[in-house]
Amino acid sequence: TRVLMGAIDLISAVFPEKVKDIDLDILAR
């Protein structure tokens, strides 16, 4: 369930164009 929660939080994230790919990693973890 917690792996799924991280997957959902990442794929549903909204972020500004200046945010880099590595900045999103924490959302899934």
mmCIF file of all heavy atoms, coordinates in Angstrom:
data_MODEL
# 
_entry.id   MODEL 
# 
loop_
_atom_site.group_PDB 
_atom_site.id 
_atom_site.type_symbol 
_atom_site.label_atom_id 
_atom_site.label_alt_id 
_atom_site.label_comp_id 
_atom_site.label_asym_id 
_atom_site.label_entity_id 
_atom_site.label_seq_id 
_atom_site.pdbx_PDB_ins_code 
_atom_site.Cartn_x 
_atom_site.Cartn_y 
_atom_site.Cartn_z 
_atom_site.occupancy 
_atom_site.B_iso_or_equiv 
_atom_site.pdbx_formal_charge 
_atom_site.auth_seq_id 
_atom_site.auth_comp_id 
_atom_site.auth_asym_id 
_atom_site.auth_atom_id 
_atom_site.pdbx_PDB_model_num 
ATOM 1   N N   . THR A 1 1  ? 0.827  -1.210 0.000   1.00 0.00 ? 1  THR A N   1 
ATOM 2   C CA  . THR A 1 1  ? 0.000  0.000  0.000   1.00 0.00 ? 1  THR A CA  1 
ATOM 3   C C   . THR A 1 1  ? 0.855  1.251  0.000   1.00 0.00 ? 1  THR A C   1 
ATOM 4   O O   . THR A 1 1  ? 0.565  2.224  -0.708  1.00 0.00 ? 1  THR A O   1 
ATOM 5   C CB  . THR A 1 1  ? -0.931 -0.003 1.223   1.00 0.00 ? 1  THR A CB  1 
ATOM 6   O OG1 . THR A 1 1  ? -1.739 -1.187 1.213   1.00 0.00 ? 1  THR A OG1 1 
ATOM 7   C CG2 . THR A 1 1  ? -1.847 1.220  1.201   1.00 0.00 ? 1  THR A CG2 1 
ATOM 8   N N   . ARG A 1 2  ? 1.933  1.247  0.769   1.00 0.00 ? 2  ARG A N   1 
ATOM 9   C CA  . ARG A 1 2  ? 2.791  2.433  0.823   1.00 0.00 ? 2  ARG A CA  1 
ATOM 10  C C   . ARG A 1 2  ? 3.564  2.634  -0.482  1.00 0.00 ? 2  ARG A C   1 
ATOM 11  O O   . ARG A 1 2  ? 3.824  3.766  -0.885  1.00 0.00 ? 2  ARG A O   1 
ATOM 12  C CB  . ARG A 1 2  ? 3.727  2.354  2.025   1.00 0.00 ? 2  ARG A CB  1 
ATOM 13  C CG  . ARG A 1 2  ? 2.967  2.531  3.336   1.00 0.00 ? 2  ARG A CG  1 
ATOM 14  C CD  . ARG A 1 2  ? 3.858  2.571  4.559   1.00 0.00 ? 2  ARG A CD  1 
ATOM 15  N NE  . ARG A 1 2  ? 3.054  2.813  5.751   1.00 0.00 ? 2  ARG A NE  1 
ATOM 16  C CZ  . ARG A 1 2  ? 2.681  4.014  6.182   1.00 0.00 ? 2  ARG A CZ  1 
ATOM 17  N NH1 . ARG A 1 2  ? 3.061  5.092  5.515   1.00 0.00 ? 2  ARG A NH1 1 
ATOM 18  N NH2 . ARG A 1 2  ? 1.949  4.144  7.268   1.00 0.00 ? 2  ARG A NH2 1 
ATOM 19  N N   . VAL A 1 3  ? 3.930  1.556  -1.137  1.00 0.00 ? 3  VAL A N   1 
ATOM 20  C CA  . VAL A 1 3  ? 4.534  1.688  -2.472  1.00 0.00 ? 3  VAL A CA  1 
ATOM 21  C C   . VAL A 1 3  ? 3.519  2.290  -3.438  1.00 0.00 ? 3  VAL A C   1 
ATOM 22  O O   . VAL A 1 3  ? 3.844  3.193  -4.228  1.00 0.00 ? 3  VAL A O   1 
ATOM 23  C CB  . VAL A 1 3  ? 5.032  0.322  -2.983  1.00 0.00 ? 3  VAL A CB  1 
ATOM 24  C CG1 . VAL A 1 3  ? 5.471  0.422  -4.448  1.00 0.00 ? 3  VAL A CG1 1 
ATOM 25  C CG2 . VAL A 1 3  ? 6.198  -0.176 -2.127  1.00 0.00 ? 3  VAL A CG2 1 
ATOM 26  N N   . LEU A 1 4  ? 2.277  1.825  -3.367  1.00 0.00 ? 4  LEU A N   1 
ATOM 27  C CA  . LEU A 1 4  ? 1.221  2.368  -4.217  1.00 0.00 ? 4  LEU A CA  1 
ATOM 28  C C   . LEU A 1 4  ? 0.976  3.842  -3.912  1.00 0.00 ? 4  LEU A C   1 
ATOM 29  O O   . LEU A 1 4  ? 0.805  4.665  -4.830  1.00 0.00 ? 4  LEU A O   1 
ATOM 30  C CB  . LEU A 1 4  ? -0.069 1.571  -4.023  1.00 0.00 ? 4  LEU A CB  1 
ATOM 31  C CG  . LEU A 1 4  ? -1.310 2.089  -4.761  1.00 0.00 ? 4  LEU A CG  1 
ATOM 32  C CD1 . LEU A 1 4  ? -1.085 2.107  -6.271  1.00 0.00 ? 4  LEU A CD1 1 
ATOM 33  C CD2 . LEU A 1 4  ? -2.532 1.249  -4.407  1.00 0.00 ? 4  LEU A CD2 1 
ATOM 34  N N   . MET A 1 5  ? 0.969  4.199  -2.639  1.00 0.00 ? 5  MET A N   1 
ATOM 35  C CA  . MET A 1 5  ? 0.767  5.604  -2.257  1.00 0.00 ? 5  MET A CA  1 
ATOM 36  C C   . MET A 1 5  ? 1.845  6.496  -2.870  1.00 0.00 ? 5  MET A C   1 
ATOM 37  O O   . MET A 1 5  ? 1.554  7.585  -3.390  1.00 0.00 ? 5  MET A O   1 
ATOM 38  C CB  . MET A 1 5  ? 0.776  5.727  -0.733  1.00 0.00 ? 5  MET A CB  1 
ATOM 39  C CG  . MET A 1 5  ? -0.425 5.092  -0.054  1.00 0.00 ? 5  MET A CG  1 
ATOM 40  S SD  . MET A 1 5  ? -0.174 4.822  1.730   1.00 0.00 ? 5  MET A SD  1 
ATOM 41  C CE  . MET A 1 5  ? -0.009 6.518  2.314   1.00 0.00 ? 5  MET A CE  1 
ATOM 42  N N   . GLY A 1 6  ? 3.088  6.036  -2.825  1.00 0.00 ? 6  GLY A N   1 
ATOM 43  C CA  . GLY A 1 6  ? 4.178  6.806  -3.421  1.00 0.00 ? 6  GLY A CA  1 
ATOM 44  C C   . GLY A 1 6  ? 4.030  6.939  -4.924  1.00 0.00 ? 6  GLY A C   1 
ATOM 45  O O   . GLY A 1 6  ? 4.276  8.001  -5.503  1.00 0.00 ? 6  GLY A O   1 
ATOM 46  N N   . ALA A 1 7  ? 3.607  5.838  -5.577  1.00 0.00 ? 7  ALA A N   1 
ATOM 47  C CA  . ALA A 1 7  ? 3.403  5.867  -7.026  1.00 0.00 ? 7  ALA A CA  1 
ATOM 48  C C   . ALA A 1 7  ? 2.303  6.855  -7.399  1.00 0.00 ? 7  ALA A C   1 
ATOM 49  O O   . ALA A 1 7  ? 2.428  7.614  -8.374  1.00 0.00 ? 7  ALA A O   1 
ATOM 50  C CB  . ALA A 1 7  ? 3.055  4.463  -7.529  1.00 0.00 ? 7  ALA A CB  1 
ATOM 51  N N   . ILE A 1 8  ? 1.223  6.873  -6.629  1.00 0.00 ? 8  ILE A N   1 
ATOM 52  C CA  . ILE A 1 8  ? 0.119  7.798  -6.900  1.00 0.00 ? 8  ILE A CA  1 
ATOM 53  C C   . ILE A 1 8  ? 0.553  9.234  -6.663  1.00 0.00 ? 8  ILE A C   1 
ATOM 54  O O   . ILE A 1 8  ? 0.258  10.137 -7.463  1.00 0.00 ? 8  ILE A O   1 
ATOM 55  C CB  . ILE A 1 8  ? -1.107 7.448  -6.027  1.00 0.00 ? 8  ILE A CB  1 
ATOM 56  C CG1 . ILE A 1 8  ? -1.684 6.097  -6.434  1.00 0.00 ? 8  ILE A CG1 1 
ATOM 57  C CG2 . ILE A 1 8  ? -2.172 8.539  -6.142  1.00 0.00 ? 8  ILE A CG2 1 
ATOM 58  C CD1 . ILE A 1 8  ? -2.795 5.598  -5.527  1.00 0.00 ? 8  ILE A CD1 1 
ATOM 59  N N   . ASP A 1 9  ? 1.266  9.475  -5.559  1.00 0.00 ? 9  ASP A N   1 
ATOM 60  C CA  . ASP A 1 9  ? 1.691  10.843 -5.247  1.00 0.00 ? 9  ASP A CA  1 
ATOM 61  C C   . ASP A 1 9  ? 2.614  11.404 -6.321  1.00 0.00 ? 9  ASP A C   1 
ATOM 62  O O   . ASP A 1 9  ? 2.566  12.604 -6.625  1.00 0.00 ? 9  ASP A O   1 
ATOM 63  C CB  . ASP A 1 9  ? 2.387  10.874 -3.883  1.00 0.00 ? 9  ASP A CB  1 
ATOM 64  C CG  . ASP A 1 9  ? 1.417  10.659 -2.730  1.00 0.00 ? 9  ASP A CG  1 
ATOM 65  O OD1 . ASP A 1 9  ? 0.196  10.710 -2.968  1.00 0.00 ? 9  ASP A OD1 1 
ATOM 66  O OD2 . ASP A 1 9  ? 1.880  10.431 -1.590  1.00 0.00 ? 9  ASP A OD2 1 
ATOM 67  N N   . LEU A 1 10 ? 3.461  10.550 -6.901  1.00 0.00 ? 10 LEU A N   1 
ATOM 68  C CA  . LEU A 1 10 ? 4.355  11.018 -7.960  1.00 0.00 ? 10 LEU A CA  1 
ATOM 69  C C   . LEU A 1 10 ? 3.582  11.307 -9.241  1.00 0.00 ? 10 LEU A C   1 
ATOM 70  O O   . LEU A 1 10 ? 3.710  12.388 -9.826  1.00 0.00 ? 10 LEU A O   1 
ATOM 71  C CB  . LEU A 1 10 ? 5.446  9.979  -8.231  1.00 0.00 ? 10 LEU A CB  1 
ATOM 72  C CG  . LEU A 1 10 ? 6.352  10.262 -9.438  1.00 0.00 ? 10 LEU A CG  1 
ATOM 73  C CD1 . LEU A 1 10 ? 7.064  11.596 -9.277  1.00 0.00 ? 10 LEU A CD1 1 
ATOM 74  C CD2 . LEU A 1 10 ? 7.362  9.133  -9.636  1.00 0.00 ? 10 LEU A CD2 1 
ATOM 75  N N   . ILE A 1 11 ? 2.773  10.372 -9.681  1.00 0.00 ? 11 ILE A N   1 
ATOM 76  C CA  . ILE A 1 11 ? 2.125  10.517 -10.990 1.00 0.00 ? 11 ILE A CA  1 
ATOM 77  C C   . ILE A 1 11 ? 1.060  11.617 -10.974 1.00 0.00 ? 11 ILE A C   1 
ATOM 78  O O   . ILE A 1 11 ? 0.731  12.181 -12.022 1.00 0.00 ? 11 ILE A O   1 
ATOM 79  C CB  . ILE A 1 11 ? 1.526  9.167  -11.434 1.00 0.00 ? 11 ILE A CB  1 
ATOM 80  C CG1 . ILE A 1 11 ? 1.401  9.110  -12.960 1.00 0.00 ? 11 ILE A CG1 1 
ATOM 81  C CG2 . ILE A 1 11 ? 0.184  8.897  -10.772 1.00 0.00 ? 11 ILE A CG2 1 
ATOM 82  C CD1 . ILE A 1 11 ? 1.116  7.720  -13.504 1.00 0.00 ? 11 ILE A CD1 1 
ATOM 83  N N   . SER A 1 12 ? 0.535  11.954 -9.796  1.00 0.00 ? 12 SER A N   1 
ATOM 84  C CA  . SER A 1 12 ? -0.486 12.999 -9.706  1.00 0.00 ? 12 SER A CA  1 
ATOM 85  C C   . SER A 1 12 ? 0.093  14.350 -9.302  1.00 0.00 ? 12 SER A C   1 
ATOM 86  O O   . SER A 1 12 ? -0.658 15.318 -9.130  1.00 0.00 ? 12 SER A O   1 
ATOM 87  C CB  . SER A 1 12 ? -1.573 12.587 -8.701  1.00 0.00 ? 12 SER A CB  1 
ATOM 88  O OG  . SER A 1 12 ? -1.018 12.384 -7.411  1.00 0.00 ? 12 SER A OG  1 
ATOM 89  N N   . ALA A 1 13 ? 1.425  14.422 -9.184  1.00 0.00 ? 13 ALA A N   1 
ATOM 90  C CA  . ALA A 1 13 ? 2.062  15.673 -8.761  1.00 0.00 ? 13 ALA A CA  1 
ATOM 91  C C   . ALA A 1 13 ? 1.877  16.766 -9.810  1.00 0.00 ? 13 ALA A C   1 
ATOM 92  O O   . ALA A 1 13 ? 1.860  16.501 -11.014 1.00 0.00 ? 13 ALA A O   1 
ATOM 93  C CB  . ALA A 1 13 ? 3.550  15.440 -8.503  1.00 0.00 ? 13 ALA A CB  1 
ATOM 94  N N   . VAL A 1 14 ? 1.747  18.000 -9.342  1.00 0.00 ? 14 VAL A N   1 
ATOM 95  C CA  . VAL A 1 14 ? 1.738  19.186 -10.202 1.00 0.00 ? 14 VAL A CA  1 
ATOM 96  C C   . VAL A 1 14 ? 2.941  20.025 -9.802  1.00 0.00 ? 14 VAL A C   1 
ATOM 97  O O   . VAL A 1 14 ? 3.124  20.329 -8.616  1.00 0.00 ? 14 VAL A O   1 
ATOM 98  C CB  . VAL A 1 14 ? 0.437  19.990 -10.039 1.00 0.00 ? 14 VAL A CB  1 
ATOM 99  C CG1 . VAL A 1 14 ? 0.492  21.263 -10.883 1.00 0.00 ? 14 VAL A CG1 1 
ATOM 100 C CG2 . VAL A 1 14 ? -0.768 19.143 -10.424 1.00 0.00 ? 14 VAL A CG2 1 
ATOM 101 N N   . PHE A 1 15 ? 3.775  20.408 -10.768 1.00 0.00 ? 15 PHE A N   1 
ATOM 102 C CA  . PHE A 1 15 ? 5.030  21.064 -10.441 1.00 0.00 ? 15 PHE A CA  1 
ATOM 103 C C   . PHE A 1 15 ? 5.374  22.109 -11.498 1.00 0.00 ? 15 PHE A C   1 
ATOM 104 O O   . PHE A 1 15 ? 5.020  21.957 -12.672 1.00 0.00 ? 15 PHE A O   1 
ATOM 105 C CB  . PHE A 1 15 ? 6.164  20.031 -10.336 1.00 0.00 ? 15 PHE A CB  1 
ATOM 106 C CG  . PHE A 1 15 ? 6.287  19.125 -11.526 1.00 0.00 ? 15 PHE A CG  1 
ATOM 107 C CD1 . PHE A 1 15 ? 7.160  19.426 -12.568 1.00 0.00 ? 15 PHE A CD1 1 
ATOM 108 C CD2 . PHE A 1 15 ? 5.530  17.963 -11.609 1.00 0.00 ? 15 PHE A CD2 1 
ATOM 109 C CE1 . PHE A 1 15 ? 7.267  18.591 -13.666 1.00 0.00 ? 15 PHE A CE1 1 
ATOM 110 C CE2 . PHE A 1 15 ? 5.631  17.117 -12.716 1.00 0.00 ? 15 PHE A CE2 1 
ATOM 111 C CZ  . PHE A 1 15 ? 6.508  17.436 -13.740 1.00 0.00 ? 15 PHE A CZ  1 
ATOM 112 N N   . PRO A 1 16 ? 6.067  23.181 -11.106 1.00 0.00 ? 16 PRO A N   1 
ATOM 113 C CA  . PRO A 1 16 ? 6.444  24.222 -12.082 1.00 0.00 ? 16 PRO A CA  1 
ATOM 114 C C   . PRO A 1 16 ? 7.541  23.746 -13.013 1.00 0.00 ? 16 PRO A C   1 
ATOM 115 O O   . PRO A 1 16 ? 8.294  22.813 -12.705 1.00 0.00 ? 16 PRO A O   1 
ATOM 116 C CB  . PRO A 1 16 ? 6.916  25.374 -11.194 1.00 0.00 ? 16 PRO A CB  1 
ATOM 117 C CG  . PRO A 1 16 ? 7.308  24.743 -9.911  1.00 0.00 ? 16 PRO A CG  1 
ATOM 118 C CD  . PRO A 1 16 ? 6.427  23.546 -9.729  1.00 0.00 ? 16 PRO A CD  1 
ATOM 119 N N   . GLU A 1 17 ? 7.659  24.403 -14.137 1.00 0.00 ? 17 GLU A N   1 
ATOM 120 C CA  . GLU A 1 17 ? 8.588  23.989 -15.196 1.00 0.00 ? 17 GLU A CA  1 
ATOM 121 C C   . GLU A 1 17 ? 10.045 24.007 -14.763 1.00 0.00 ? 17 GLU A C   1 
ATOM 122 O O   . GLU A 1 17 ? 10.881 23.333 -15.359 1.00 0.00 ? 17 GLU A O   1 
ATOM 123 C CB  . GLU A 1 17 ? 8.412  24.882 -16.418 1.00 0.00 ? 17 GLU A CB  1 
ATOM 124 C CG  . GLU A 1 17 ? 8.629  26.358 -16.141 1.00 0.00 ? 17 GLU A CG  1 
ATOM 125 C CD  . GLU A 1 17 ? 8.261  27.242 -17.318 1.00 0.00 ? 17 GLU A CD  1 
ATOM 126 O OE1 . GLU A 1 17 ? 8.114  26.708 -18.433 1.00 0.00 ? 17 GLU A OE1 1 
ATOM 127 O OE2 . GLU A 1 17 ? 8.118  28.454 -17.137 1.00 0.00 ? 17 GLU A OE2 1 
ATOM 128 N N   . LYS A 1 18 ? 10.389 24.756 -13.726 1.00 0.00 ? 18 LYS A N   1 
ATOM 129 C CA  . LYS A 1 18 ? 11.771 24.843 -13.267 1.00 0.00 ? 18 LYS A CA  1 
ATOM 130 C C   . LYS A 1 18 ? 12.172 23.687 -12.357 1.00 0.00 ? 18 LYS A C   1 
ATOM 131 O O   . LYS A 1 18 ? 13.340 23.539 -12.018 1.00 0.00 ? 18 LYS A O   1 
ATOM 132 C CB  . LYS A 1 18 ? 12.004 26.176 -12.551 1.00 0.00 ? 18 LYS A CB  1 
ATOM 133 C CG  . LYS A 1 18 ? 11.934 27.391 -13.467 1.00 0.00 ? 18 LYS A CG  1 
ATOM 134 C CD  . LYS A 1 18 ? 12.274 28.670 -12.734 1.00 0.00 ? 18 LYS A CD  1 
ATOM 135 C CE  . LYS A 1 18 ? 12.237 29.873 -13.676 1.00 0.00 ? 18 LYS A CE  1 
ATOM 136 N NZ  . LYS A 1 18 ? 12.566 31.138 -12.969 1.00 0.00 ? 18 LYS A NZ  1 
ATOM 137 N N   . VAL A 1 19 ? 11.218 22.884 -11.948 1.00 0.00 ? 19 VAL A N   1 
ATOM 138 C CA  . VAL A 1 19 ? 11.510 21.721 -11.112 1.00 0.00 ? 19 VAL A CA  1 
ATOM 139 C C   . VAL A 1 19 ? 12.157 20.636 -11.966 1.00 0.00 ? 19 VAL A C   1 
ATOM 140 O O   . VAL A 1 19 ? 11.691 20.334 -13.073 1.00 0.00 ? 19 VAL A O   1 
ATOM 141 C CB  . VAL A 1 19 ? 10.228 21.194 -10.442 1.00 0.00 ? 19 VAL A CB  1 
ATOM 142 C CG1 . VAL A 1 19 ? 10.456 19.820 -9.832  1.00 0.00 ? 19 VAL A CG1 1 
ATOM 143 C CG2 . VAL A 1 19 ? 9.759  22.172 -9.368  1.00 0.00 ? 19 VAL A CG2 1 
ATOM 144 N N   . LYS A 1 20 ? 13.222 20.026 -11.465 1.00 0.00 ? 20 LYS A N   1 
ATOM 145 C CA  . LYS A 1 20 ? 13.937 18.991 -12.211 1.00 0.00 ? 20 LYS A CA  1 
ATOM 146 C C   . LYS A 1 20 ? 13.453 17.601 -11.814 1.00 0.00 ? 20 LYS A C   1 
ATOM 147 O O   . LYS A 1 20 ? 12.814 17.409 -10.777 1.00 0.00 ? 20 LYS A O   1 
ATOM 148 C CB  . LYS A 1 20 ? 15.443 19.118 -11.975 1.00 0.00 ? 20 LYS A CB  1 
ATOM 149 C CG  . LYS A 1 20 ? 16.034 20.402 -12.541 1.00 0.00 ? 20 LYS A CG  1 
ATOM 150 C CD  . LYS A 1 20 ? 17.541 20.435 -12.349 1.00 0.00 ? 20 LYS A CD  1 
ATOM 151 C CE  . LYS A 1 20 ? 18.148 21.688 -12.974 1.00 0.00 ? 20 LYS A CE  1 
ATOM 152 N NZ  . LYS A 1 20 ? 19.611 21.740 -12.806 1.00 0.00 ? 20 LYS A NZ  1 
ATOM 153 N N   . ASP A 1 21 ? 13.797 16.633 -12.653 1.00 0.00 ? 21 ASP A N   1 
ATOM 154 C CA  . ASP A 1 21 ? 13.356 15.257 -12.412 1.00 0.00 ? 21 ASP A CA  1 
ATOM 155 C C   . ASP A 1 21 ? 13.779 14.737 -11.035 1.00 0.00 ? 21 ASP A C   1 
ATOM 156 O O   . ASP A 1 21 ? 13.001 14.088 -10.333 1.00 0.00 ? 21 ASP A O   1 
ATOM 157 C CB  . ASP A 1 21 ? 13.845 14.326 -13.525 1.00 0.00 ? 21 ASP A CB  1 
ATOM 158 C CG  . ASP A 1 21 ? 15.319 14.507 -13.871 1.00 0.00 ? 21 ASP A CG  1 
ATOM 159 O OD1 . ASP A 1 21 ? 16.050 15.184 -13.120 1.00 0.00 ? 21 ASP A OD1 1 
ATOM 160 O OD2 . ASP A 1 21 ? 15.749 13.976 -14.922 1.00 0.00 ? 21 ASP A OD2 1 
ATOM 161 N N   . ILE A 1 22 ? 15.006 15.050 -10.623 1.00 0.00 ? 22 ILE A N   1 
ATOM 162 C CA  . ILE A 1 22 ? 15.491 14.535 -9.339  1.00 0.00 ? 22 ILE A CA  1 
ATOM 163 C C   . ILE A 1 22 ? 14.726 15.125 -8.158  1.00 0.00 ? 22 ILE A C   1 
ATOM 164 O O   . ILE A 1 22 ? 14.689 14.517 -7.079  1.00 0.00 ? 22 ILE A O   1 
ATOM 165 C CB  . ILE A 1 22 ? 17.002 14.806 -9.162  1.00 0.00 ? 22 ILE A CB  1 
ATOM 166 C CG1 . ILE A 1 22 ? 17.300 16.303 -9.255  1.00 0.00 ? 22 ILE A CG1 1 
ATOM 167 C CG2 . ILE A 1 22 ? 17.814 14.031 -10.175 1.00 0.00 ? 22 ILE A CG2 1 
ATOM 168 C CD1 . ILE A 1 22 ? 18.743 16.650 -8.937  1.00 0.00 ? 22 ILE A CD1 1 
ATOM 169 N N   . ASP A 1 23 ? 14.119 16.295 -8.346  1.00 0.00 ? 23 ASP A N   1 
ATOM 170 C CA  . ASP A 1 23 ? 13.375 16.919 -7.257  1.00 0.00 ? 23 ASP A CA  1 
ATOM 171 C C   . ASP A 1 23 ? 12.081 16.179 -6.940  1.00 0.00 ? 23 ASP A C   1 
ATOM 172 O O   . ASP A 1 23 ? 11.502 16.374 -5.869  1.00 0.00 ? 23 ASP A O   1 
ATOM 173 C CB  . ASP A 1 23 ? 13.050 18.375 -7.613  1.00 0.00 ? 23 ASP A CB  1 
ATOM 174 C CG  . ASP A 1 23 ? 14.291 19.209 -7.860  1.00 0.00 ? 23 ASP A CG  1 
ATOM 175 O OD1 . ASP A 1 23 ? 15.287 19.007 -7.134  1.00 0.00 ? 23 ASP A OD1 1 
ATOM 176 O OD2 . ASP A 1 23 ? 14.287 20.044 -8.788  1.00 0.00 ? 23 ASP A OD2 1 
ATOM 177 N N   . LEU A 1 24 ? 11.613 15.344 -7.849  1.00 0.00 ? 24 LEU A N   1 
ATOM 178 C CA  . LEU A 1 24 ? 10.354 14.634 -7.658  1.00 0.00 ? 24 LEU A CA  1 
ATOM 179 C C   . LEU A 1 24 ? 10.530 13.281 -6.981  1.00 0.00 ? 24 LEU A C   1 
ATOM 180 O O   . LEU A 1 24 ? 9.545  12.675 -6.539  1.00 0.00 ? 24 LEU A O   1 
ATOM 181 C CB  . LEU A 1 24 ? 9.674  14.433 -9.016  1.00 0.00 ? 24 LEU A CB  1 
ATOM 182 C CG  . LEU A 1 24 ? 9.334  15.716 -9.790  1.00 0.00 ? 24 LEU A CG  1 
ATOM 183 C CD1 . LEU A 1 24 ? 8.842  15.364 -11.187 1.00 0.00 ? 24 LEU A CD1 1 
ATOM 184 C CD2 . LEU A 1 24 ? 8.295  16.535 -9.044  1.00 0.00 ? 24 LEU A CD2 1 
ATOM 185 N N   . ASP A 1 25 ? 11.741 12.804 -6.889  1.00 0.00 ? 25 ASP A N   1 
ATOM 186 C CA  . ASP A 1 25 ? 12.002 11.459 -6.364  1.00 0.00 ? 25 ASP A CA  1 
ATOM 187 C C   . ASP A 1 25 ? 11.443 11.278 -4.956  1.00 0.00 ? 25 ASP A C   1 
ATOM 188 O O   . ASP A 1 25 ? 10.890 10.226 -4.617  1.00 0.00 ? 25 ASP A O   1 
ATOM 189 C CB  . ASP A 1 25 ? 13.512 11.197 -6.380  1.00 0.00 ? 25 ASP A CB  1 
ATOM 190 C CG  . ASP A 1 25 ? 13.875 9.812  -5.893  1.00 0.00 ? 25 ASP A CG  1 
ATOM 191 O OD1 . ASP A 1 25 ? 13.672 8.850  -6.653  1.00 0.00 ? 25 ASP A OD1 1 
ATOM 192 O OD2 . ASP A 1 25 ? 14.346 9.686  -4.745  1.00 0.00 ? 25 ASP A OD2 1 
ATOM 193 N N   . ILE A 1 26 ? 11.567 12.291 -4.125  1.00 0.00 ? 26 ILE A N   1 
ATOM 194 C CA  . ILE A 1 26 ? 11.160 12.194 -2.724  1.00 0.00 ? 26 ILE A CA  1 
ATOM 195 C C   . ILE A 1 26 ? 9.668  11.910 -2.579  1.00 0.00 ? 26 ILE A C   1 
ATOM 196 O O   . ILE A 1 26 ? 9.236  11.275 -1.611  1.00 0.00 ? 26 ILE A O   1 
ATOM 197 C CB  . ILE A 1 26 ? 11.532 13.507 -1.980  1.00 0.00 ? 26 ILE A CB  1 
ATOM 198 C CG1 . ILE A 1 26 ? 11.317 13.374 -0.471  1.00 0.00 ? 26 ILE A CG1 1 
ATOM 199 C CG2 . ILE A 1 26 ? 10.756 14.682 -2.541  1.00 0.00 ? 26 ILE A CG2 1 
ATOM 200 C CD1 . ILE A 1 26 ? 12.249 12.416 0.197   1.00 0.00 ? 26 ILE A CD1 1 
ATOM 201 N N   . LEU A 1 27 ? 8.863  12.350 -3.553  1.00 0.00 ? 27 LEU A N   1 
ATOM 202 C CA  . LEU A 1 27 ? 7.421  12.152 -3.459  1.00 0.00 ? 27 LEU A CA  1 
ATOM 203 C C   . LEU A 1 27 ? 7.060  10.674 -3.383  1.00 0.00 ? 27 LEU A C   1 
ATOM 204 O O   . LEU A 1 27 ? 6.139  10.280 -2.664  1.00 0.00 ? 27 LEU A O   1 
ATOM 205 C CB  . LEU A 1 27 ? 6.719  12.791 -4.661  1.00 0.00 ? 27 LEU A CB  1 
ATOM 206 C CG  . LEU A 1 27 ? 6.848  14.308 -4.802  1.00 0.00 ? 27 LEU A CG  1 
ATOM 207 C CD1 . LEU A 1 27 ? 6.173  14.768 -6.096  1.00 0.00 ? 27 LEU A CD1 1 
ATOM 208 C CD2 . LEU A 1 27 ? 6.252  15.022 -3.604  1.00 0.00 ? 27 LEU A CD2 1 
ATOM 209 N N   . ALA A 1 28 ? 7.766  9.850  -4.149  1.00 0.00 ? 28 ALA A N   1 
ATOM 210 C CA  . ALA A 1 28 ? 7.470  8.424  -4.178  1.00 0.00 ? 28 ALA A CA  1 
ATOM 211 C C   . ALA A 1 28 ? 7.982  7.692  -2.945  1.00 0.00 ? 28 ALA A C   1 
ATOM 212 O O   . ALA A 1 28 ? 7.471  6.626  -2.596  1.00 0.00 ? 28 ALA A O   1 
ATOM 213 C CB  . ALA A 1 28 ? 8.062  7.794  -5.436  1.00 0.00 ? 28 ALA A CB  1 
ATOM 214 N N   . ARG A 1 29 ? 8.969  8.246  -2.279  1.00 0.00 ? 29 ARG A N   1 
ATOM 215 C CA  . ARG A 1 29 ? 9.580  7.564  -1.134  1.00 0.00 ? 29 ARG A CA  1 
ATOM 216 C C   . ARG A 1 29 ? 8.949  7.940  0.208   1.00 0.00 ? 29 ARG A C   1 
ATOM 217 O O   . ARG A 1 29 ? 9.067  7.183  1.183   1.00 0.00 ? 29 ARG A O   1 
ATOM 218 C CB  . ARG A 1 29 ? 11.083 7.871  -1.089  1.00 0.00 ? 29 ARG A CB  1 
ATOM 219 C CG  . ARG A 1 29 ? 11.847 7.371  -2.305  1.00 0.00 ? 29 ARG A CG  1 
ATOM 220 C CD  . ARG A 1 29 ? 13.338 7.688  -2.223  1.00 0.00 ? 29 ARG A CD  1 
ATOM 221 N NE  . ARG A 1 29 ? 13.994 7.451  -3.482  1.00 0.00 ? 29 ARG A NE  1 
ATOM 222 C CZ  . ARG A 1 29 ? 14.580 6.283  -3.831  1.00 0.00 ? 29 ARG A CZ  1 
ATOM 223 N NH1 . ARG A 1 29 ? 14.586 5.275  -2.995  1.00 0.00 ? 29 ARG A NH1 1 
ATOM 224 N NH2 . ARG A 1 29 ? 15.157 6.158  -5.013  1.00 0.00 ? 29 ARG A NH2 1 
# 
